[in-house]
Amino acid sequence: PQLLEINTKEPGLVELLICNNASTDGTTEYLITLKEN
């Protein structure tokens, strides 16, 4: 929600990067779906 608010006012100002260290608990699938949105 914080990034949505900031990037609405100044597009492309802030990104969210997640570095997934070979997780095996469903993290990878969750992140792929999240990135699509």
Full PDB file with SEQRES, HELIX, SHEET, SSBOND, CRYST1, ORIGX, SCALE, CONECT and MASTER records, all heavy atoms in Angstrom:
SEQRES   1 A   37  PRO GLN LEU LEU GLU ILE ASN THR LYS GLU PRO GLY LEU          
SEQRES   2 A   37  VAL GLU LEU LEU ILE CYS ASN ASN ALA SER THR ASP GLY          
SEQRES   3 A   37  THR THR GLU TYR LEU ILE THR LEU LYS GLU ASN                  
HELIX    1 AA1 GLN A    2  LYS A    9  1                                   8    
HELIX    2 AA2 THR A   27  GLU A   36  1                                  10    
CRYST1    1.000    1.000    1.000  90.00  90.00  90.00 P 1           1          
ORIGX1      1.000000  0.000000  0.000000        0.00000                         
ORIGX2      0.000000  1.000000  0.000000        0.00000                         
ORIGX3      0.000000  0.000000  1.000000        0.00000                         
SCALE1      1.000000  0.000000  0.000000        0.00000                         
SCALE2      0.000000  1.000000  0.000000        0.00000                         
SCALE3      0.000000  0.000000  1.000000        0.00000                         
ATOM      1  N   PRO A   1       0.812  -1.228   0.000  1.00  0.00           N  
ATOM      2  CA  PRO A   1       0.000   0.000   0.000  1.00  0.00           C  
ATOM      3  C   PRO A   1       0.845   1.277   0.000  1.00  0.00           C  
ATOM      4  O   PRO A   1       0.465   2.280  -0.622  1.00  0.00           O  
ATOM      5  CB  PRO A   1      -0.816  -0.117   1.299  1.00  0.00           C  
ATOM      6  CG  PRO A   1      -0.846  -1.571   1.597  1.00  0.00           C  
ATOM      7  CD  PRO A   1       0.473  -2.105   1.142  1.00  0.00           C  
ATOM      8  N   GLN A   2       1.987   1.237   0.668  1.00  0.00           N  
ATOM      9  CA  GLN A   2       2.859   2.405   0.694  1.00  0.00           C  
ATOM     10  C   GLN A   2       3.459   2.673  -0.685  1.00  0.00           C  
ATOM     11  O   GLN A   2       3.557   3.819  -1.124  1.00  0.00           O  
ATOM     12  CB  GLN A   2       3.965   2.207   1.735  1.00  0.00           C  
ATOM     13  CG  GLN A   2       3.439   2.020   3.156  1.00  0.00           C  
ATOM     14  CD  GLN A   2       4.548   1.975   4.187  1.00  0.00           C  
ATOM     15  OE1 GLN A   2       5.407   2.847   4.215  1.00  0.00           O  
ATOM     16  NE2 GLN A   2       4.533   0.951   5.032  1.00  0.00           N  
ATOM     17  N   LEU A   3       3.852   1.607  -1.382  1.00  0.00           N  
ATOM     18  CA  LEU A   3       4.431   1.775  -2.715  1.00  0.00           C  
ATOM     19  C   LEU A   3       3.379   2.217  -3.726  1.00  0.00           C  
ATOM     20  O   LEU A   3       3.672   3.010  -4.627  1.00  0.00           O  
ATOM     21  CB  LEU A   3       5.090   0.478  -3.182  1.00  0.00           C  
ATOM     22  CG  LEU A   3       6.280  -0.028  -2.372  1.00  0.00           C  
ATOM     23  CD1 LEU A   3       7.044  -1.085  -3.174  1.00  0.00           C  
ATOM     24  CD2 LEU A   3       7.214   1.084  -1.980  1.00  0.00           C  
ATOM     25  N   LEU A   4       2.172   1.718  -3.596  1.00  0.00           N  
ATOM     26  CA  LEU A   4       1.094   2.144  -4.480  1.00  0.00           C  
ATOM     27  C   LEU A   4       0.861   3.645  -4.362  1.00  0.00           C  
ATOM     28  O   LEU A   4       0.710   4.354  -5.366  1.00  0.00           O  
ATOM     29  CB  LEU A   4      -0.194   1.374  -4.150  1.00  0.00           C  
ATOM     30  CG  LEU A   4      -0.277  -0.073  -4.637  1.00  0.00           C  
ATOM     31  CD1 LEU A   4      -1.488  -0.760  -4.035  1.00  0.00           C  
ATOM     32  CD2 LEU A   4      -0.333  -0.139  -6.158  1.00  0.00           C  
ATOM     33  N   GLU A   5       0.836   4.138  -3.135  1.00  0.00           N  
ATOM     34  CA  GLU A   5       0.603   5.570  -2.901  1.00  0.00           C  
ATOM     35  C   GLU A   5       1.735   6.423  -3.466  1.00  0.00           C  
ATOM     36  O   GLU A   5       1.503   7.419  -4.160  1.00  0.00           O  
ATOM     37  CB  GLU A   5       0.449   5.827  -1.403  1.00  0.00           C  
ATOM     38  CG  GLU A   5       0.159   7.287  -1.070  1.00  0.00           C  
ATOM     39  CD  GLU A   5      -0.016   7.511   0.418  1.00  0.00           C  
ATOM     40  OE1 GLU A   5       0.028   6.532   1.196  1.00  0.00           O  
ATOM     41  OE2 GLU A   5      -0.199   8.675   0.823  1.00  0.00           O  
ATOM     42  N   ILE A   6       2.978   6.017  -3.201  1.00  0.00           N  
ATOM     43  CA  ILE A   6       4.130   6.795  -3.658  1.00  0.00           C  
ATOM     44  C   ILE A   6       4.257   6.770  -5.173  1.00  0.00           C  
ATOM     45  O   ILE A   6       4.456   7.801  -5.821  1.00  0.00           O  
ATOM     46  CB  ILE A   6       5.422   6.267  -2.993  1.00  0.00           C  
ATOM     47  CG1 ILE A   6       5.414   6.577  -1.492  1.00  0.00           C  
ATOM     48  CG2 ILE A   6       6.666   6.880  -3.657  1.00  0.00           C  
ATOM     49  CD1 ILE A   6       6.545   5.943  -0.730  1.00  0.00           C  
ATOM     50  N   ASN A   7       4.118   5.589  -5.766  1.00  0.00           N  
ATOM     51  CA  ASN A   7       4.300   5.460  -7.216  1.00  0.00           C  
ATOM     52  C   ASN A   7       3.141   6.044  -8.010  1.00  0.00           C  
ATOM     53  O   ASN A   7       3.276   6.342  -9.201  1.00  0.00           O  
ATOM     54  CB  ASN A   7       4.517   3.997  -7.591  1.00  0.00           C  
ATOM     55  CG  ASN A   7       5.915   3.505  -7.233  1.00  0.00           C  
ATOM     56  OD1 ASN A   7       6.879   4.257  -7.293  1.00  0.00           O  
ATOM     57  ND2 ASN A   7       6.021   2.251  -6.844  1.00  0.00           N  
ATOM     58  N   THR A   8       1.975   6.218  -7.372  1.00  0.00           N  
ATOM     59  CA  THR A   8       0.869   6.907  -8.034  1.00  0.00           C  
ATOM     60  C   THR A   8       1.207   8.380  -8.219  1.00  0.00           C  
ATOM     61  O   THR A   8       0.920   8.983  -9.262  1.00  0.00           O  
ATOM     62  CB  THR A   8      -0.431   6.758  -7.216  1.00  0.00           C  
ATOM     63  OG1 THR A   8      -0.776   5.377  -7.132  1.00  0.00           O  
ATOM     64  CG2 THR A   8      -1.572   7.523  -7.858  1.00  0.00           C  
ATOM     65  N   LYS A   9       1.852   8.953  -7.205  1.00  0.00           N  
ATOM     66  CA  LYS A   9       2.235  10.368  -7.272  1.00  0.00           C  
ATOM     67  C   LYS A   9       3.489  10.571  -8.112  1.00  0.00           C  
ATOM     68  O   LYS A   9       3.600  11.554  -8.851  1.00  0.00           O  
ATOM     69  CB  LYS A   9       2.465  10.891  -5.855  1.00  0.00           C  
ATOM     70  CG  LYS A   9       1.208  10.903  -4.998  1.00  0.00           C  
ATOM     71  CD  LYS A   9       1.512  11.373  -3.576  1.00  0.00           C  
ATOM     72  CE  LYS A   9       0.245  11.361  -2.728  1.00  0.00           C  
ATOM     73  NZ  LYS A   9       0.541  11.760  -1.315  1.00  0.00           N  
ATOM     74  N   GLU A  10       4.431   9.663  -7.999  1.00  0.00           N  
ATOM     75  CA  GLU A  10       5.685   9.744  -8.766  1.00  0.00           C  
ATOM     76  C   GLU A  10       5.986   8.373  -9.363  1.00  0.00           C  
ATOM     77  O   GLU A  10       6.688   7.566  -8.756  1.00  0.00           O  
ATOM     78  CB  GLU A  10       6.840  10.206  -7.877  1.00  0.00           C  
ATOM     79  CG  GLU A  10       6.696  11.611  -7.312  1.00  0.00           C  
ATOM     80  CD  GLU A  10       7.941  12.053  -6.575  1.00  0.00           C  
ATOM     81  OE1 GLU A  10       9.010  12.160  -7.194  1.00  0.00           O  
ATOM     82  OE2 GLU A  10       7.843  12.268  -5.345  1.00  0.00           O  
ATOM     83  N   PRO A  11       5.436   8.087 -10.536  1.00  0.00           N  
ATOM     84  CA  PRO A  11       5.594   6.756 -11.135  1.00  0.00           C  
ATOM     85  C   PRO A  11       7.065   6.333 -11.267  1.00  0.00           C  
ATOM     86  O   PRO A  11       7.914   7.125 -11.669  1.00  0.00           O  
ATOM     87  CB  PRO A  11       4.952   6.921 -12.518  1.00  0.00           C  
ATOM     88  CG  PRO A  11       3.955   8.029 -12.321  1.00  0.00           C  
ATOM     89  CD  PRO A  11       4.601   8.979 -11.351  1.00  0.00           C  
ATOM     90  N   GLY A  12       7.338   5.080 -10.882  1.00  0.00           N  
ATOM     91  CA  GLY A  12       8.681   4.536 -11.030  1.00  0.00           C  
ATOM     92  C   GLY A  12       9.679   5.008  -9.993  1.00  0.00           C  
ATOM     93  O   GLY A  12      10.885   4.782 -10.152  1.00  0.00           O  
ATOM     94  N   LEU A  13       9.208   5.615  -8.915  1.00  0.00           N  
ATOM     95  CA  LEU A  13      10.135   6.147  -7.914  1.00  0.00           C  
ATOM     96  C   LEU A  13      10.714   5.043  -7.030  1.00  0.00           C  
ATOM     97  O   LEU A  13      11.888   5.071  -6.675  1.00  0.00           O  
ATOM     98  CB  LEU A  13       9.433   7.188  -7.033  1.00  0.00           C  
ATOM     99  CG  LEU A  13      10.343   7.990  -6.093  1.00  0.00           C  
ATOM    100  CD1 LEU A  13      11.227   8.941  -6.900  1.00  0.00           C  
ATOM    101  CD2 LEU A  13       9.527   8.763  -5.067  1.00  0.00           C  
ATOM    102  N   VAL A  14       9.877   4.052  -6.681  1.00  0.00           N  
ATOM    103  CA  VAL A  14      10.287   3.006  -5.739  1.00  0.00           C  
ATOM    104  C   VAL A  14       9.875   1.640  -6.289  1.00  0.00           C  
ATOM    105  O   VAL A  14       8.779   1.478  -6.831  1.00  0.00           O  
ATOM    106  CB  VAL A  14       9.641   3.213  -4.354  1.00  0.00           C  
ATOM    107  CG1 VAL A  14      10.160   2.166  -3.361  1.00  0.00           C  
ATOM    108  CG2 VAL A  14       9.900   4.620  -3.826  1.00  0.00           C  
ATOM    109  N   GLU A  15      10.763   0.655  -6.153  1.00  0.00           N  
ATOM    110  CA  GLU A  15      10.434  -0.729  -6.509  1.00  0.00           C  
ATOM    111  C   GLU A  15      10.515  -1.614  -5.273  1.00  0.00           C  
ATOM    112  O   GLU A  15      11.140  -1.264  -4.265  1.00  0.00           O  
ATOM    113  CB  GLU A  15      11.404  -1.263  -7.572  1.00  0.00           C  
ATOM    114  CG  GLU A  15      12.807  -1.527  -7.042  1.00  0.00           C  
ATOM    115  CD  GLU A  15      13.644  -2.447  -7.940  1.00  0.00           C  
ATOM    116  OE1 GLU A  15      13.075  -3.142  -8.799  1.00  0.00           O  
ATOM    117  OE2 GLU A  15      14.882  -2.436  -7.758  1.00  0.00           O  
ATOM    118  N   LEU A  16       9.866  -2.754  -5.365  1.00  0.00           N  
ATOM    119  CA  LEU A  16       9.981  -3.801  -4.353  1.00  0.00           C  
ATOM    120  C   LEU A  16      10.690  -4.985  -4.986  1.00  0.00           C  
ATOM    121  O   LEU A  16      10.218  -5.543  -5.982  1.00  0.00           O  
ATOM    122  CB  LEU A  16       8.600  -4.222  -3.846  1.00  0.00           C  
ATOM    123  CG  LEU A  16       8.558  -5.442  -2.917  1.00  0.00           C  
ATOM    124  CD1 LEU A  16       9.372  -5.205  -1.646  1.00  0.00           C  
ATOM    125  CD2 LEU A  16       7.107  -5.797  -2.564  1.00  0.00           C  
ATOM    126  N   LEU A  17      11.849  -5.363  -4.423  1.00  0.00           N  
ATOM    127  CA  LEU A  17      12.619  -6.518  -4.894  1.00  0.00           C  
ATOM    128  C   LEU A  17      12.598  -7.595  -3.818  1.00  0.00           C  
ATOM    129  O   LEU A  17      12.907  -7.320  -2.656  1.00  0.00           O  
ATOM    130  CB  LEU A  17      14.063  -6.115  -5.180  1.00  0.00           C  
ATOM    131  CG  LEU A  17      15.069  -7.252  -5.391  1.00  0.00           C  
ATOM    132  CD1 LEU A  17      14.776  -7.997  -6.689  1.00  0.00           C  
ATOM    133  CD2 LEU A  17      16.510  -6.712  -5.390  1.00  0.00           C  
ATOM    134  N   ILE A  18      12.223  -8.813  -4.208  1.00  0.00           N  
ATOM    135  CA  ILE A  18      12.297  -9.946  -3.280  1.00  0.00           C  
ATOM    136  C   ILE A  18      13.320 -10.926  -3.819  1.00  0.00           C  
ATOM    137  O   ILE A  18      13.219 -11.392  -4.961  1.00  0.00           O  
ATOM    138  CB  ILE A  18      10.933 -10.651  -3.111  1.00  0.00           C  
ATOM    139  CG1 ILE A  18       9.861  -9.667  -2.623  1.00  0.00           C  
ATOM    140  CG2 ILE A  18      11.069 -11.787  -2.094  1.00  0.00           C  
ATOM    141  CD1 ILE A  18       8.935  -9.193  -3.681  1.00  0.00           C  
ATOM    142  N   CYS A  19      14.340 -11.216  -2.997  1.00  0.00           N  
ATOM    143  CA  CYS A  19      15.377 -12.187  -3.353  1.00  0.00           C  
ATOM    144  C   CYS A  19      15.069 -13.496  -2.636  1.00  0.00           C  
ATOM    145  O   CYS A  19      15.243 -13.607  -1.414  1.00  0.00           O  
ATOM    146  CB  CYS A  19      16.757 -11.661  -2.974  1.00  0.00           C  
ATOM    147  SG  CYS A  19      17.318 -10.291  -3.996  1.00  0.00           S  
ATOM    148  N   ASN A  20      14.612 -14.459  -3.393  1.00  0.00           N  
ATOM    149  CA  ASN A  20      14.169 -15.748  -2.866  1.00  0.00           C  
ATOM    150  C   ASN A  20      15.321 -16.738  -2.914  1.00  0.00           C  
ATOM    151  O   ASN A  20      15.795 -17.112  -3.989  1.00  0.00           O  
ATOM    152  CB  ASN A  20      12.977 -16.233  -3.688  1.00  0.00           C  
ATOM    153  CG  ASN A  20      12.497 -17.601  -3.266  1.00  0.00           C  
ATOM    154  OD1 ASN A  20      12.743 -18.045  -2.141  1.00  0.00           O  
ATOM    155  ND2 ASN A  20      11.814 -18.287  -4.166  1.00  0.00           N  
ATOM    156  N   ASN A  21      15.745 -17.189  -1.730  1.00  0.00           N  
ATOM    157  CA  ASN A  21      16.955 -17.996  -1.602  1.00  0.00           C  
ATOM    158  C   ASN A  21      16.637 -19.492  -1.677  1.00  0.00           C  
ATOM    159  O   ASN A  21      16.904 -20.251  -0.748  1.00  0.00           O  
ATOM    160  CB  ASN A  21      17.656 -17.646  -0.278  1.00  0.00           C  
ATOM    161  CG  ASN A  21      19.151 -17.873  -0.338  1.00  0.00           C  
ATOM    162  OD1 ASN A  21      19.692 -18.270  -1.355  1.00  0.00           O  
ATOM    163  ND2 ASN A  21      19.820 -17.621   0.772  1.00  0.00           N  
ATOM    164  N   ALA A  22      16.031 -19.910  -2.808  1.00  0.00           N  
ATOM    165  CA  ALA A  22      15.698 -21.327  -3.056  1.00  0.00           C  
ATOM    166  C   ALA A  22      14.705 -21.874  -2.040  1.00  0.00           C  
ATOM    167  O   ALA A  22      14.863 -22.985  -1.527  1.00  0.00           O  
ATOM    168  CB  ALA A  22      16.973 -22.176  -3.075  1.00  0.00           C  
ATOM    169  N   SER A  23      13.656 -21.099  -1.762  1.00  0.00           N  
ATOM    170  CA  SER A  23      12.614 -21.553  -0.828  1.00  0.00           C  
ATOM    171  C   SER A  23      11.865 -22.757  -1.382  1.00  0.00           C  
ATOM    172  O   SER A  23      11.708 -22.917  -2.600  1.00  0.00           O  
ATOM    173  CB  SER A  23      11.622 -20.421  -0.557  1.00  0.00           C  
ATOM    174  OG  SER A  23      12.237 -19.340   0.099  1.00  0.00           O  
ATOM    175  N   THR A  24      11.365 -23.590  -0.461  1.00  0.00           N  
ATOM    176  CA  THR A  24      10.644 -24.806  -0.854  1.00  0.00           C  
ATOM    177  C   THR A  24       9.255 -24.876  -0.216  1.00  0.00           C  
ATOM    178  O   THR A  24       8.622 -25.930  -0.234  1.00  0.00           O  
ATOM    179  CB  THR A  24      11.444 -26.052  -0.448  1.00  0.00           C  
ATOM    180  OG1 THR A  24      11.680 -26.018   0.975  1.00  0.00           O  
ATOM    181  CG2 THR A  24      12.773 -26.119  -1.173  1.00  0.00           C  
ATOM    182  N   ASP A  25       8.782 -23.757   0.339  1.00  0.00           N  
ATOM    183  CA  ASP A  25       7.531 -23.761   1.113  1.00  0.00           C  
ATOM    184  C   ASP A  25       6.376 -23.068   0.401  1.00  0.00           C  
ATOM    185  O   ASP A  25       5.382 -22.703   1.036  1.00  0.00           O  
ATOM    186  CB  ASP A  25       7.758 -23.100   2.468  1.00  0.00           C  
ATOM    187  CG  ASP A  25       8.112 -21.619   2.347  1.00  0.00           C  
ATOM    188  OD1 ASP A  25       8.495 -21.185   1.237  1.00  0.00           O  
ATOM    189  OD2 ASP A  25       8.017 -20.899   3.363  1.00  0.00           O  
ATOM    190  N   GLY A  26       6.485 -22.871  -0.904  1.00  0.00           N  
ATOM    191  CA  GLY A  26       5.438 -22.180  -1.647  1.00  0.00           C  
ATOM    192  C   GLY A  26       5.736 -20.714  -1.889  1.00  0.00           C  
ATOM    193  O   GLY A  26       4.941 -20.018  -2.536  1.00  0.00           O  
ATOM    194  N   THR A  27       6.860 -20.229  -1.392  1.00  0.00           N  
ATOM    195  CA  THR A  27       7.232 -18.829  -1.571  1.00  0.00           C  
ATOM    196  C   THR A  27       7.351 -18.462  -3.050  1.00  0.00           C  
ATOM    197  O   THR A  27       6.865 -17.419  -3.487  1.00  0.00           O  
ATOM    198  CB  THR A  27       8.557 -18.528  -0.849  1.00  0.00           C  
ATOM    199  OG1 THR A  27       8.361 -18.627   0.570  1.00  0.00           O  
ATOM    200  CG2 THR A  27       9.065 -17.142  -1.178  1.00  0.00           C  
ATOM    201  N   THR A  28       7.994 -19.325  -3.828  1.00  0.00           N  
ATOM    202  CA  THR A  28       8.216 -19.036  -5.250  1.00  0.00           C  
ATOM    203  C   THR A  28       6.899 -18.842  -5.986  1.00  0.00           C  
ATOM    204  O   THR A  28       6.730 -17.871  -6.744  1.00  0.00           O  
ATOM    205  CB  THR A  28       9.023 -20.174  -5.903  1.00  0.00           C  
ATOM    206  OG1 THR A  28      10.251 -20.358  -5.200  1.00  0.00           O  
ATOM    207  CG2 THR A  28       9.325 -19.845  -7.361  1.00  0.00           C  
ATOM    208  N   GLU A  29       5.945 -19.722  -5.767  1.00  0.00           N  
ATOM    209  CA  GLU A  29       4.650 -19.639  -6.442  1.00  0.00           C  
ATOM    210  C   GLU A  29       3.890 -18.386  -6.017  1.00  0.00           C  
ATOM    211  O   GLU A  29       3.274 -17.700  -6.848  1.00  0.00           O  
ATOM    212  CB  GLU A  29       3.820 -20.891  -6.128  1.00  0.00           C  
ATOM    213  CG  GLU A  29       4.389 -22.176  -6.691  1.00  0.00           C  
ATOM    214  CD  GLU A  29       5.591 -22.736  -5.931  1.00  0.00           C  
ATOM    215  OE1 GLU A  29       5.870 -22.243  -4.814  1.00  0.00           O  
ATOM    216  OE2 GLU A  29       6.251 -23.649  -6.460  1.00  0.00           O  
ATOM    217  N   TYR A  30       3.956 -18.077  -4.721  1.00  0.00           N  
ATOM    218  CA  TYR A  30       3.300 -16.862  -4.210  1.00  0.00           C  
ATOM    219  C   TYR A  30       3.874 -15.609  -4.871  1.00  0.00           C  
ATOM    220  O   TYR A  30       3.131 -14.715  -5.290  1.00  0.00           O  
ATOM    221  CB  TYR A  30       3.469 -16.789  -2.693  1.00  0.00           C  
ATOM    222  CG  TYR A  30       3.268 -15.410  -2.106  1.00  0.00           C  
ATOM    223  CD1 TYR A  30       1.999 -14.863  -2.006  1.00  0.00           C  
ATOM    224  CD2 TYR A  30       4.362 -14.668  -1.656  1.00  0.00           C  
ATOM    225  CE1 TYR A  30       1.812 -13.588  -1.470  1.00  0.00           C  
ATOM    226  CE2 TYR A  30       4.184 -13.405  -1.117  1.00  0.00           C  
ATOM    227  CZ  TYR A  30       2.912 -12.868  -1.030  1.00  0.00           C  
ATOM    228  OH  TYR A  30       2.739 -11.618  -0.510  1.00  0.00           O  
ATOM    229  N   LEU A  31       5.198 -15.560  -4.991  1.00  0.00           N  
ATOM    230  CA  LEU A  31       5.845 -14.370  -5.555  1.00  0.00           C  
ATOM    231  C   LEU A  31       5.541 -14.205  -7.037  1.00  0.00           C  
ATOM    232  O   LEU A  31       5.362 -13.082  -7.523  1.00  0.00           O  
ATOM    233  CB  LEU A  31       7.356 -14.450  -5.325  1.00  0.00           C  
ATOM    234  CG  LEU A  31       7.816 -14.332  -3.868  1.00  0.00           C  
ATOM    235  CD1 LEU A  31       9.318 -14.541  -3.763  1.00  0.00           C  
ATOM    236  CD2 LEU A  31       7.426 -12.979  -3.277  1.00  0.00           C  
ATOM    237  N   ILE A  32       5.485 -15.292  -7.762  1.00  0.00           N  
ATOM    238  CA  ILE A  32       5.170 -15.215  -9.192  1.00  0.00           C  
ATOM    239  C   ILE A  32       3.771 -14.630  -9.396  1.00  0.00           C  
ATOM    240  O   ILE A  32       3.555 -13.748 -10.240  1.00  0.00           O  
ATOM    241  CB  ILE A  32       5.279 -16.608  -9.843  1.00  0.00           C  
ATOM    242  CG1 ILE A  32       6.749 -17.049  -9.887  1.00  0.00           C  
ATOM    243  CG2 ILE A  32       4.689 -16.592 -11.254  1.00  0.00           C  
ATOM    244  CD1 ILE A  32       6.941 -18.482 -10.339  1.00  0.00           C  
ATOM    245  N   THR A  33       2.820 -15.095  -8.602  1.00  0.00           N  
ATOM    246  CA  THR A  33       1.449 -14.563  -8.686  1.00  0.00           C  
ATOM    247  C   THR A  33       1.410 -13.089  -8.277  1.00  0.00           C  
ATOM    248  O   THR A  33       0.727 -12.278  -8.915  1.00  0.00           O  
ATOM    249  CB  THR A  33       0.513 -15.375  -7.772  1.00  0.00           C  
ATOM    250  OG1 THR A  33       0.542 -16.753  -8.171  1.00  0.00           O  
ATOM    251  CG2 THR A  33      -0.910 -14.858  -7.844  1.00  0.00           C  
ATOM    252  N   LEU A  34       2.151 -12.750  -7.239  1.00  0.00           N  
ATOM    253  CA  LEU A  34       2.187 -11.368  -6.760  1.00  0.00           C  
ATOM    254  C   LEU A  34       2.722 -10.421  -7.825  1.00  0.00           C  
ATOM    255  O   LEU A  34       2.176  -9.337  -8.050  1.00  0.00           O  
ATOM    256  CB  LEU A  34       3.059 -11.299  -5.503  1.00  0.00           C  
ATOM    257  CG  LEU A  34       3.033  -9.986  -4.717  1.00  0.00           C  
ATOM    258  CD1 LEU A  34       1.710  -9.852  -3.964  1.00  0.00           C  
ATOM    259  CD2 LEU A  34       4.201  -9.944  -3.726  1.00  0.00           C  
ATOM    260  N   LYS A  35       3.782 -10.834  -8.496  1.00  0.00           N  
ATOM    261  CA  LYS A  35       4.420  -9.986  -9.505  1.00  0.00           C  
ATOM    262  C   LYS A  35       3.471  -9.679 -10.661  1.00  0.00           C  
ATOM    263  O   LYS A  35       3.524  -8.588 -11.257  1.00  0.00           O  
ATOM    264  CB  LYS A  35       5.692 -10.649 -10.030  1.00  0.00           C  
ATOM    265  CG  LYS A  35       6.527  -9.761 -10.963  1.00  0.00           C  
ATOM    266  CD  LYS A  35       7.773 -10.472 -11.417  1.00  0.00           C  
ATOM    267  CE  LYS A  35       8.691  -9.555 -12.216  1.00  0.00           C  
ATOM    268  NZ  LYS A  35       8.018  -8.891 -13.347  1.00  0.00           N  
ATOM    269  N   GLU A  36       2.592 -10.599 -10.975  1.00  0.00           N  
ATOM    270  CA  GLU A  36       1.645 -10.384 -12.069  1.00  0.00           C  
ATOM    271  C   GLU A  36       0.691  -9.230 -11.786  1.00  0.00           C  
ATOM    272  O   GLU A  36       0.161  -8.610 -12.715  1.00  0.00           O  
ATOM    273  CB  GLU A  36       0.846 -11.667 -12.317  1.00  0.00           C  
ATOM    274  CG  GLU A  36       1.694 -12.819 -12.864  1.00  0.00           C  
ATOM    275  CD  GLU A  36       0.905 -14.109 -12.954  1.00  0.00           C  
ATOM    276  OE1 GLU A  36      -0.244 -14.154 -12.456  1.00  0.00           O  
ATOM    277  OE2 GLU A  36       1.453 -15.090 -13.504  1.00  0.00           O  
ATOM    278  N   ASN A  37       0.495  -8.915 -10.519  1.00  0.00           N  
ATOM    279  CA  ASN A  37      -0.474  -7.891 -10.129  1.00  0.00           C  
ATOM    280  C   ASN A  37       0.138  -6.514  -9.881  1.00  0.00           C  
ATOM    281  O   ASN A  37      -0.598  -5.525  -9.812  1.00  0.00           O  
ATOM    282  CB  ASN A  37      -1.220  -8.337  -8.866  1.00  0.00           C  
ATOM    283  CG  ASN A  37      -2.028  -9.594  -9.097  1.00  0.00           C  
ATOM    284  OD1 ASN A  37      -2.656  -9.751 -10.134  1.00  0.00           O  
ATOM    285  ND2 ASN A  37      -2.011 -10.498  -8.129  1.00  0.00           N  
TER     286      ASN A  37                                                      
MASTER        0    0    0    2    0    0    0    6  285    1    0    3          
END                                                                             
